[in-house]
Amino acid sequence: MIPMFSIDEKVRAYIRKSGQDFRLSTSPDGPVLLPLEESSPKPSDMKILVGSNILYVSKLQAKYIKKIDWTMVERYLSSSGEPKT
Protein backbone atom coordinates (compact mmCIF):
# COMPACT_ATOMS: atom_id res chain seq x y z
CA MET A 1 0.00 0.00 0.00
CA ILE A 2 1.39 3.37 -1.02
CA PRO A 3 0.58 6.07 1.56
CA MET A 4 -1.82 8.73 0.33
CA PHE A 5 -0.68 11.29 2.88
CA SER A 6 2.24 13.65 3.28
CA ILE A 7 4.56 14.22 6.22
CA ASP A 8 5.25 17.80 7.24
CA GLU A 9 8.95 18.72 6.98
CA LYS A 10 8.97 19.91 10.62
CA VAL A 11 7.81 16.42 11.67
CA ARG A 12 10.48 14.80 9.47
CA ALA A 13 13.16 17.03 11.06
CA TYR A 14 11.89 16.16 14.57
CA ILE A 15 12.09 12.42 13.84
CA ARG A 16 15.58 12.70 12.34
CA LYS A 17 16.85 14.87 15.21
CA SER A 18 15.41 12.54 17.87
CA GLY A 19 17.21 9.49 16.51
CA GLN A 20 14.16 7.37 17.44
CA ASP A 21 11.51 5.38 15.61
CA PHE A 22 7.91 6.57 16.02
CA ARG A 23 4.38 5.28 15.61
CA LEU A 24 1.30 7.25 14.65
CA SER A 25 -1.28 6.20 17.23
CA THR A 26 -4.84 7.04 18.07
CA SER A 27 -5.73 9.12 21.13
CA PRO A 28 -8.96 10.66 22.42
CA ASP A 29 -7.72 14.04 21.09
CA GLY A 30 -6.84 12.67 17.65
CA PRO A 31 -3.78 11.13 16.02
CA VAL A 32 -0.58 11.39 18.06
CA LEU A 33 3.03 10.69 17.10
CA LEU A 34 4.66 8.60 19.83
CA PRO A 35 8.15 7.17 20.27
CA LEU A 36 8.14 3.37 20.13
CA GLU A 37 8.82 3.17 23.87
CA GLU A 38 5.29 4.60 24.29
CA SER A 39 3.50 2.64 21.54
CA SER A 40 4.83 -0.58 20.00
CA PRO A 41 4.35 -1.16 16.28
CA LYS A 42 2.00 -3.81 15.00
CA PRO A 43 2.99 -6.31 12.30
CA SER A 44 0.39 -4.81 9.95
CA ASP A 45 1.70 -1.22 10.28
CA MET A 46 3.10 0.59 7.26
CA LYS A 47 6.80 1.41 7.62
CA ILE A 48 7.99 4.76 6.31
CA LEU A 49 11.68 5.60 6.32
CA VAL A 50 12.43 9.09 7.65
CA GLY A 51 16.19 9.61 7.52
CA SER A 52 17.58 6.54 9.28
CA ASN A 53 14.45 6.16 11.43
CA ILE A 54 11.15 4.39 10.82
CA LEU A 55 7.70 5.89 11.19
CA TYR A 56 5.05 3.20 11.72
CA VAL A 57 1.50 4.01 10.65
CA SER A 58 -1.52 1.79 11.12
CA LYS A 59 -2.90 0.76 7.72
CA LEU A 60 -6.39 1.43 9.04
CA GLN A 61 -5.51 4.93 10.23
CA ALA A 62 -3.61 5.71 7.00
CA LYS A 63 -6.93 5.64 5.14
CA TYR A 64 -8.21 8.62 7.13
CA ILE A 65 -5.27 11.01 7.34
CA LYS A 66 -4.13 13.43 4.66
CA LYS A 67 -1.07 14.83 6.39
CA ILE A 68 1.09 13.95 9.38
CA ASP A 69 1.56 17.40 10.85
CA TRP A 70 3.13 19.12 13.84
CA THR A 71 -0.08 19.00 15.92
CA MET A 72 0.38 15.22 16.15
CA VAL A 73 3.80 15.77 17.73
CA GLU A 74 2.45 18.51 20.02
CA ARG A 75 -0.16 16.11 21.44
CA TYR A 76 2.67 13.86 22.61
CA LEU A 77 4.86 16.71 23.86
CA SER A 78 2.07 18.27 25.91
CA SER A 79 1.18 14.94 27.53
CA SER A 80 4.80 13.95 28.23
CA GLY A 81 5.97 17.25 29.68
CA GLU A 82 8.75 17.53 27.08
CA PRO A 83 9.51 21.06 25.89
CA LYS A 84 7.93 22.00 22.58
CA THR A 85 10.42 22.89 19.88
PDB file of N, CA and C in Angstrom:
ATOM      1  N   MET A   1       0.850  -1.190   0.000  1.00  0.00           N
ATOM      2  CA  MET A   1       0.000   0.000   0.000  1.00  0.00           C
ATOM      3  C   MET A   1       0.887   1.241   0.000  1.00  0.00           C
ATOM      4  N   ILE A   2       0.654   2.113  -0.948  1.00  0.00           N
ATOM      5  CA  ILE A   2       1.394   3.369  -1.020  1.00  0.00           C
ATOM      6  C   ILE A   2       0.623   4.407  -0.215  1.00  0.00           C
ATOM      7  N   PRO A   3       1.305   5.086   0.741  1.00  0.00           N
ATOM      8  CA  PRO A   3       0.585   6.065   1.564  1.00  0.00           C
ATOM      9  C   PRO A   3       0.043   7.210   0.720  1.00  0.00           C
ATOM     10  N   MET A   4      -1.171   7.630   1.038  1.00  0.00           N
ATOM     11  CA  MET A   4      -1.818   8.727   0.332  1.00  0.00           C
ATOM     12  C   MET A   4      -1.805   9.988   1.187  1.00  0.00           C
ATOM     13  N   PHE A   5      -0.797  10.131   2.011  1.00  0.00           N
ATOM     14  CA  PHE A   5      -0.678  11.293   2.879  1.00  0.00           C
ATOM     15  C   PHE A   5       0.744  11.830   2.800  1.00  0.00           C
ATOM     16  N   SER A   6       0.901  13.055   3.255  1.00  0.00           N
ATOM     17  CA  SER A   6       2.236  13.650   3.280  1.00  0.00           C
ATOM     18  C   SER A   6       2.693  13.785   4.731  1.00  0.00           C
ATOM     19  N   ILE A   7       3.985  14.020   4.893  1.00  0.00           N
ATOM     20  CA  ILE A   7       4.557  14.217   6.220  1.00  0.00           C
ATOM     21  C   ILE A   7       5.204  15.596   6.220  1.00  0.00           C
ATOM     22  N   ASP A   8       4.731  16.448   7.125  1.00  0.00           N
ATOM     23  CA  ASP A   8       5.247  17.804   7.243  1.00  0.00           C
ATOM     24  C   ASP A   8       6.762  17.777   7.467  1.00  0.00           C
ATOM     25  N   GLU A   9       7.489  18.693   6.849  1.00  0.00           N
ATOM     26  CA  GLU A   9       8.946  18.722   6.978  1.00  0.00           C
ATOM     27  C   GLU A   9       9.384  18.936   8.427  1.00  0.00           C
ATOM     28  N   LYS A  10       8.619  19.699   9.205  1.00  0.00           N
ATOM     29  CA  LYS A  10       8.966  19.912  10.618  1.00  0.00           C
ATOM     30  C   LYS A  10       8.898  18.587  11.384  1.00  0.00           C
ATOM     31  N   VAL A  11       7.941  17.747  11.044  1.00  0.00           N
ATOM     32  CA  VAL A  11       7.813  16.420  11.666  1.00  0.00           C
ATOM     33  C   VAL A  11       8.990  15.544  11.242  1.00  0.00           C
ATOM     34  N   ARG A  12       9.332  15.574   9.966  1.00  0.00           N
ATOM     35  CA  ARG A  12      10.481  14.800   9.472  1.00  0.00           C
ATOM     36  C   ARG A  12      11.759  15.214  10.214  1.00  0.00           C
ATOM     37  N   ALA A  13      11.966  16.519  10.367  1.00  0.00           N
ATOM     38  CA  ALA A  13      13.157  17.025  11.059  1.00  0.00           C
ATOM     39  C   ALA A  13      13.169  16.575  12.521  1.00  0.00           C
ATOM     40  N   TYR A  14      12.012  16.602  13.163  1.00  0.00           N
ATOM     41  CA  TYR A  14      11.895  16.164  14.567  1.00  0.00           C
ATOM     42  C   TYR A  14      12.276  14.689  14.709  1.00  0.00           C
ATOM     43  N   ILE A  15      11.777  13.855  13.803  1.00  0.00           N
ATOM     44  CA  ILE A  15      12.087  12.422  13.842  1.00  0.00           C
ATOM     45  C   ILE A  15      13.582  12.201  13.620  1.00  0.00           C
ATOM     46  N   ARG A  16      14.152  12.870  12.619  1.00  0.00           N
ATOM     47  CA  ARG A  16      15.581  12.703  12.335  1.00  0.00           C
ATOM     48  C   ARG A  16      16.431  13.168  13.517  1.00  0.00           C
ATOM     49  N   LYS A  17      16.088  14.312  14.095  1.00  0.00           N
ATOM     50  CA  LYS A  17      16.854  14.871  15.212  1.00  0.00           C
ATOM     51  C   LYS A  17      16.777  13.982  16.457  1.00  0.00           C
ATOM     52  N   SER A  18      15.614  13.370  16.675  1.00  0.00           N
ATOM     53  CA  SER A  18      15.412  12.537  17.868  1.00  0.00           C
ATOM     54  C   SER A  18      16.232  11.256  17.840  1.00  0.00           C
ATOM     55  N   GLY A  19      16.493  10.749  16.635  1.00  0.00           N
ATOM     56  CA  GLY A  19      17.212   9.487  16.507  1.00  0.00           C
ATOM     57  C   GLY A  19      16.387   8.279  16.928  1.00  0.00           C
ATOM     58  N   GLN A  20      15.058   8.446  17.001  1.00  0.00           N
ATOM     59  CA  GLN A  20      14.165   7.366  17.440  1.00  0.00           C
ATOM     60  C   GLN A  20      13.199   6.980  16.324  1.00  0.00           C
ATOM     61  N   ASP A  21      12.620   5.792  16.460  1.00  0.00           N
ATOM     62  CA  ASP A  21      11.510   5.384  15.612  1.00  0.00           C
ATOM     63  C   ASP A  21      10.222   5.817  16.302  1.00  0.00           C
ATOM     64  N   PHE A  22       9.189   6.093  15.496  1.00  0.00           N
ATOM     65  CA  PHE A  22       7.912   6.571  16.021  1.00  0.00           C
ATOM     66  C   PHE A  22       6.765   5.768  15.444  1.00  0.00           C
ATOM     67  N   ARG A  23       5.615   5.891  16.100  1.00  0.00           N
ATOM     68  CA  ARG A  23       4.380   5.280  15.609  1.00  0.00           C
ATOM     69  C   ARG A  23       3.264   6.300  15.691  1.00  0.00           C
ATOM     70  N   LEU A  24       2.492   6.413  14.632  1.00  0.00           N
ATOM     71  CA  LEU A  24       1.304   7.254  14.645  1.00  0.00           C
ATOM     72  C   LEU A  24       0.189   6.449  15.293  1.00  0.00           C
ATOM     73  N   SER A  25      -0.277   6.916  16.444  1.00  0.00           N
ATOM     74  CA  SER A  25      -1.281   6.199  17.231  1.00  0.00           C
ATOM     75  C   SER A  25      -2.542   7.028  17.367  1.00  0.00           C
ATOM     76  N   THR A  26      -3.569   6.376  17.837  1.00  0.00           N
ATOM     77  CA  THR A  26      -4.842   7.040  18.069  1.00  0.00           C
ATOM     78  C   THR A  26      -4.928   7.457  19.527  1.00  0.00           C
ATOM     79  N   SER A  27      -5.487   8.646  19.763  1.00  0.00           N
ATOM     80  CA  SER A  27      -5.731   9.120  21.129  1.00  0.00           C
ATOM     81  C   SER A  27      -7.110   9.758  21.157  1.00  0.00           C
ATOM     82  N   PRO A  28      -7.650  10.015  22.341  1.00  0.00           N
ATOM     83  CA  PRO A  28      -8.959  10.665  22.416  1.00  0.00           C
ATOM     84  C   PRO A  28      -8.974  12.051  21.752  1.00  0.00           C
ATOM     85  N   ASP A  29      -7.801  12.703  21.696  1.00  0.00           N
ATOM     86  CA  ASP A  29      -7.716  14.036  21.088  1.00  0.00           C
ATOM     87  C   ASP A  29      -7.376  13.991  19.603  1.00  0.00           C
ATOM     88  N   GLY A  30      -7.194  12.809  19.062  1.00  0.00           N
ATOM     89  CA  GLY A  30      -6.840  12.673  17.654  1.00  0.00           C
ATOM     90  C   GLY A  30      -5.517  11.950  17.492  1.00  0.00           C
ATOM     91  N   PRO A  31      -5.029  11.844  16.260  1.00  0.00           N
ATOM     92  CA  PRO A  31      -3.781  11.130  16.019  1.00  0.00           C
ATOM     93  C   PRO A  31      -2.617  11.768  16.775  1.00  0.00           C
ATOM     94  N   VAL A  32      -1.725  10.918  17.301  1.00  0.00           N
ATOM     95  CA  VAL A  32      -0.579  11.393  18.058  1.00  0.00           C
ATOM     96  C   VAL A  32       0.657  10.605  17.619  1.00  0.00           C
ATOM     97  N   LEU A  33       1.780  11.312  17.489  1.00  0.00           N
ATOM     98  CA  LEU A  33       3.027  10.689  17.102  1.00  0.00           C
ATOM     99  C   LEU A  33       3.815  10.353  18.352  1.00  0.00           C
ATOM    100  N   LEU A  34       4.009   9.056  18.604  1.00  0.00           N
ATOM    101  CA  LEU A  34       4.658   8.598  19.834  1.00  0.00           C
ATOM    102  C   LEU A  34       5.955   7.860  19.534  1.00  0.00           C
ATOM    103  N   PRO A  35       6.965   8.016  20.401  1.00  0.00           N
ATOM    104  CA  PRO A  35       8.155   7.170  20.268  1.00  0.00           C
ATOM    105  C   PRO A  35       7.757   5.715  20.535  1.00  0.00           C
ATOM    106  N   LEU A  36       8.500   4.778  19.981  1.00  0.00           N
ATOM    107  CA  LEU A  36       8.144   3.366  20.132  1.00  0.00           C
ATOM    108  C   LEU A  36       8.126   2.908  21.585  1.00  0.00           C
ATOM    109  N   GLU A  37       8.867   3.555  22.454  1.00  0.00           N
ATOM    110  CA  GLU A  37       8.816   3.170  23.871  1.00  0.00           C
ATOM    111  C   GLU A  37       7.432   3.436  24.465  1.00  0.00           C
ATOM    112  N   GLU A  38       6.649   4.282  23.824  1.00  0.00           N
ATOM    113  CA  GLU A  38       5.295   4.604  24.285  1.00  0.00           C
ATOM    114  C   GLU A  38       4.221   3.768  23.575  1.00  0.00           C
ATOM    115  N   SER A  39       4.492   3.373  22.340  1.00  0.00           N
ATOM    116  CA  SER A  39       3.502   2.637  21.545  1.00  0.00           C
ATOM    117  C   SER A  39       4.224   1.700  20.584  1.00  0.00           C
ATOM    118  N   SER A  40       4.143   0.416  20.834  1.00  0.00           N
ATOM    119  CA  SER A  40       4.832  -0.581  20.003  1.00  0.00           C
ATOM    120  C   SER A  40       4.158  -0.722  18.645  1.00  0.00           C
ATOM    121  N   PRO A  41       4.950  -0.957  17.605  1.00  0.00           N
ATOM    122  CA  PRO A  41       4.355  -1.160  16.279  1.00  0.00           C
ATOM    123  C   PRO A  41       3.650  -2.504  16.192  1.00  0.00           C
ATOM    124  N   LYS A  42       2.712  -2.563  15.273  1.00  0.00           N
ATOM    125  CA  LYS A  42       2.000  -3.812  14.998  1.00  0.00           C
ATOM    126  C   LYS A  42       2.537  -4.396  13.694  1.00  0.00           C
ATOM    127  N   PRO A  43       2.472  -5.697  13.536  1.00  0.00           N
ATOM    128  CA  PRO A  43       2.991  -6.309  12.302  1.00  0.00           C
ATOM    129  C   PRO A  43       2.336  -5.766  11.032  1.00  0.00           C
ATOM    130  N   SER A  44       1.097  -5.310  11.131  1.00  0.00           N
ATOM    131  CA  SER A  44       0.387  -4.813   9.949  1.00  0.00           C
ATOM    132  C   SER A  44       0.659  -3.338   9.650  1.00  0.00           C
ATOM    133  N   ASP A  45       1.423  -2.639  10.499  1.00  0.00           N
ATOM    134  CA  ASP A  45       1.702  -1.221  10.281  1.00  0.00           C
ATOM    135  C   ASP A  45       2.514  -0.999   9.006  1.00  0.00           C
ATOM    136  N   MET A  46       2.263   0.136   8.368  1.00  0.00           N
ATOM    137  CA  MET A  46       3.101   0.593   7.262  1.00  0.00           C
ATOM    138  C   MET A  46       4.401   1.107   7.860  1.00  0.00           C
ATOM    139  N   LYS A  47       5.500   0.908   7.171  1.00  0.00           N
ATOM    140  CA  LYS A  47       6.800   1.409   7.618  1.00  0.00           C
ATOM    141  C   LYS A  47       7.271   2.468   6.628  1.00  0.00           C
ATOM    142  N   ILE A  48       7.530   3.663   7.152  1.00  0.00           N
ATOM    143  CA  ILE A  48       7.987   4.763   6.310  1.00  0.00           C
ATOM    144  C   ILE A  48       9.352   5.204   6.821  1.00  0.00           C
ATOM    145  N   LEU A  49      10.333   5.193   5.949  1.00  0.00           N
ATOM    146  CA  LEU A  49      11.677   5.599   6.324  1.00  0.00           C
ATOM    147  C   LEU A  49      11.763   7.123   6.348  1.00  0.00           C
ATOM    148  N   VAL A  50      12.219   7.655   7.481  1.00  0.00           N
ATOM    149  CA  VAL A  50      12.434   9.095   7.649  1.00  0.00           C
ATOM    150  C   VAL A  50      13.880   9.247   8.116  1.00  0.00           C
ATOM    151  N   GLY A  51      14.758   9.632   7.204  1.00  0.00           N
ATOM    152  CA  GLY A  51      16.185   9.614   7.519  1.00  0.00           C
ATOM    153  C   GLY A  51      16.582   8.173   7.777  1.00  0.00           C
ATOM    154  N   SER A  52      17.214   7.924   8.927  1.00  0.00           N
ATOM    155  CA  SER A  52      17.575   6.544   9.275  1.00  0.00           C
ATOM    156  C   SER A  52      16.590   5.940  10.277  1.00  0.00           C
ATOM    157  N   ASN A  53      15.472   6.620  10.493  1.00  0.00           N
ATOM    158  CA  ASN A  53      14.448   6.159  11.433  1.00  0.00           C
ATOM    159  C   ASN A  53      13.208   5.675  10.692  1.00  0.00           C
ATOM    160  N   ILE A  54      12.378   4.924  11.411  1.00  0.00           N
ATOM    161  CA  ILE A  54      11.151   4.394  10.824  1.00  0.00           C
ATOM    162  C   ILE A  54       9.945   5.021  11.511  1.00  0.00           C
ATOM    163  N   LEU A  55       8.995   5.421  10.703  1.00  0.00           N
ATOM    164  CA  LEU A  55       7.698   5.890  11.189  1.00  0.00           C
ATOM    165  C   LEU A  55       6.692   4.793  10.860  1.00  0.00           C
ATOM    166  N   TYR A  56       6.062   4.241  11.889  1.00  0.00           N
ATOM    167  CA  TYR A  56       5.049   3.201  11.724  1.00  0.00           C
ATOM    168  C   TYR A  56       3.670   3.860  11.721  1.00  0.00           C
ATOM    169  N   VAL A  57       2.855   3.461  10.764  1.00  0.00           N
ATOM    170  CA  VAL A  57       1.503   4.007  10.651  1.00  0.00           C
ATOM    171  C   VAL A  57       0.541   2.846  10.448  1.00  0.00           C
ATOM    172  N   SER A  58      -0.494   2.811  11.262  1.00  0.00           N
ATOM    173  CA  SER A  58      -1.523   1.787  11.123  1.00  0.00           C
ATOM    174  C   SER A  58      -2.146   1.882   9.726  1.00  0.00           C
ATOM    175  N   LYS A  59      -2.274   0.753   9.051  1.00  0.00           N
ATOM    176  CA  LYS A  59      -2.901   0.756   7.724  1.00  0.00           C
ATOM    177  C   LYS A  59      -4.333   1.265   7.796  1.00  0.00           C
ATOM    178  N   LEU A  60      -5.024   0.943   8.874  1.00  0.00           N
ATOM    179  CA  LEU A  60      -6.392   1.431   9.039  1.00  0.00           C
ATOM    180  C   LEU A  60      -6.408   2.949   9.175  1.00  0.00           C
ATOM    181  N   GLN A  61      -5.539   3.486  10.007  1.00  0.00           N
ATOM    182  CA  GLN A  61      -5.506   4.931  10.227  1.00  0.00           C
ATOM    183  C   GLN A  61      -5.032   5.676   8.977  1.00  0.00           C
ATOM    184  N   ALA A  62      -4.150   5.061   8.209  1.00  0.00           N
ATOM    185  CA  ALA A  62      -3.613   5.706   7.004  1.00  0.00           C
ATOM    186  C   ALA A  62      -4.718   6.082   6.021  1.00  0.00           C
ATOM    187  N   LYS A  63      -5.812   5.359   6.040  1.00  0.00           N
ATOM    188  CA  LYS A  63      -6.927   5.643   5.139  1.00  0.00           C
ATOM    189  C   LYS A  63      -7.589   6.988   5.447  1.00  0.00           C
ATOM    190  N   TYR A  64      -7.453   7.453   6.693  1.00  0.00           N
ATOM    191  CA  TYR A  64      -8.213   8.622   7.133  1.00  0.00           C
ATOM    192  C   TYR A  64      -7.389   9.887   7.295  1.00  0.00           C
ATOM    193  N   ILE A  65      -6.070   9.801   7.168  1.00  0.00           N
ATOM    194  CA  ILE A  65      -5.267  11.008   7.339  1.00  0.00           C
ATOM    195  C   ILE A  65      -4.779  11.510   5.990  1.00  0.00           C
ATOM    196  N   LYS A  66      -4.640  12.820   5.886  1.00  0.00           N
ATOM    197  CA  LYS A  66      -4.126  13.431   4.662  1.00  0.00           C
ATOM    198  C   LYS A  66      -2.715  13.941   4.853  1.00  0.00           C
ATOM    199  N   LYS A  67      -2.397  14.293   6.109  1.00  0.00           N
ATOM    200  CA  LYS A  67      -1.073  14.833   6.394  1.00  0.00           C
ATOM    201  C   LYS A  67      -0.689  14.529   7.838  1.00  0.00           C
ATOM    202  N   ILE A  68       0.543  14.090   8.030  1.00  0.00           N
ATOM    203  CA  ILE A  68       1.087  13.948   9.380  1.00  0.00           C
ATOM    204  C   ILE A  68       1.730  15.291   9.687  1.00  0.00           C
ATOM    205  N   ASP A  69       1.109  16.036  10.597  1.00  0.00           N
ATOM    206  CA  ASP A  69       1.561  17.401  10.845  1.00  0.00           C
ATOM    207  C   ASP A  69       2.033  17.603  12.278  1.00  0.00           C
ATOM    208  N   TRP A  70       2.509  18.802  12.551  1.00  0.00           N
ATOM    209  CA  TRP A  70       3.129  19.118  13.837  1.00  0.00           C
ATOM    210  C   TRP A  70       2.159  18.968  15.009  1.00  0.00           C
ATOM    211  N   THR A  71       0.866  19.143  14.807  1.00  0.00           N
ATOM    212  CA  THR A  71      -0.082  18.997  15.919  1.00  0.00           C
ATOM    213  C   THR A  71      -0.046  17.579  16.490  1.00  0.00           C
ATOM    214  N   MET A  72       0.297  16.603  15.679  1.00  0.00           N
ATOM    215  CA  MET A  72       0.378  15.217  16.148  1.00  0.00           C
ATOM    216  C   MET A  72       1.576  15.024  17.077  1.00  0.00           C
ATOM    217  N   VAL A  73       2.638  15.774  16.839  1.00  0.00           N
ATOM    218  CA  VAL A  73       3.800  15.766  17.734  1.00  0.00           C
ATOM    219  C   VAL A  73       3.459  16.535  19.007  1.00  0.00           C
ATOM    220  N   GLU A  74       2.805  17.679  18.857  1.00  0.00           N
ATOM    221  CA  GLU A  74       2.454  18.506  20.022  1.00  0.00           C
ATOM    222  C   GLU A  74       1.568  17.761  21.016  1.00  0.00           C
ATOM    223  N   ARG A  75       0.687  16.899  20.522  1.00  0.00           N
ATOM    224  CA  ARG A  75      -0.158  16.107  21.442  1.00  0.00           C
ATOM    225  C   ARG A  75       0.708  15.252  22.359  1.00  0.00           C
ATOM    226  N   TYR A  76       1.755  14.668  21.796  1.00  0.00           N
ATOM    227  CA  TYR A  76       2.667  13.864  22.614  1.00  0.00           C
ATOM    228  C   TYR A  76       3.467  14.764  23.558  1.00  0.00           C
ATOM    229  N   LEU A  77       4.021  15.841  23.056  1.00  0.00           N
ATOM    230  CA  LEU A  77       4.865  16.707  23.858  1.00  0.00           C
ATOM    231  C   LEU A  77       4.097  17.300  25.044  1.00  0.00           C
ATOM    232  N   SER A  78       2.843  17.684  24.816  1.00  0.00           N
ATOM    233  CA  SER A  78       2.067  18.271  25.909  1.00  0.00           C
ATOM    234  C   SER A  78       1.693  17.236  26.963  1.00  0.00           C
ATOM    235  N   SER A  79       1.528  15.969  26.558  1.00  0.00           N
ATOM    236  CA  SER A  79       1.181  14.935  27.528  1.00  0.00           C
ATOM    237  C   SER A  79       2.405  14.385  28.263  1.00  0.00           C
ATOM    238  N   SER A  80       3.587  14.528  27.634  1.00  0.00           N
ATOM    239  CA  SER A  80       4.803  13.946  28.226  1.00  0.00           C
ATOM    240  C   SER A  80       5.568  14.950  29.082  1.00  0.00           C
ATOM    241  N   GLY A  81       5.236  16.235  28.939  1.00  0.00           N
ATOM    242  CA  GLY A  81       5.971  17.255  29.685  1.00  0.00           C
ATOM    243  C   GLY A  81       7.262  17.669  29.002  1.00  0.00           C
ATOM    244  N   GLU A  82       7.533  17.118  27.801  1.00  0.00           N
ATOM    245  CA  GLU A  82       8.745  17.528  27.083  1.00  0.00           C
ATOM    246  C   GLU A  82       8.549  18.938  26.536  1.00  0.00           C
ATOM    247  N   PRO A  83       9.629  19.706  26.445  1.00  0.00           N
ATOM    248  CA  PRO A  83       9.509  21.057  25.889  1.00  0.00           C
ATOM    249  C   PRO A  83       9.160  21.014  24.420  1.00  0.00           C
ATOM    250  N   LYS A  84       8.287  21.908  23.986  1.00  0.00           N
ATOM    251  CA  LYS A  84       7.926  22.004  22.580  1.00  0.00           C
ATOM    252  C   LYS A  84       9.029  22.746  21.851  1.00  0.00           C
ATOM    253  N   THR A  85       9.350  22.250  20.653  1.00  0.00           N
ATOM    254  CA  THR A  85      10.421  22.887  19.878  1.00  0.00           C
ATOM    255  C   THR A  85       9.869  23.640  18.706  1.00  0.00           C
TER     256      THR A  85
END
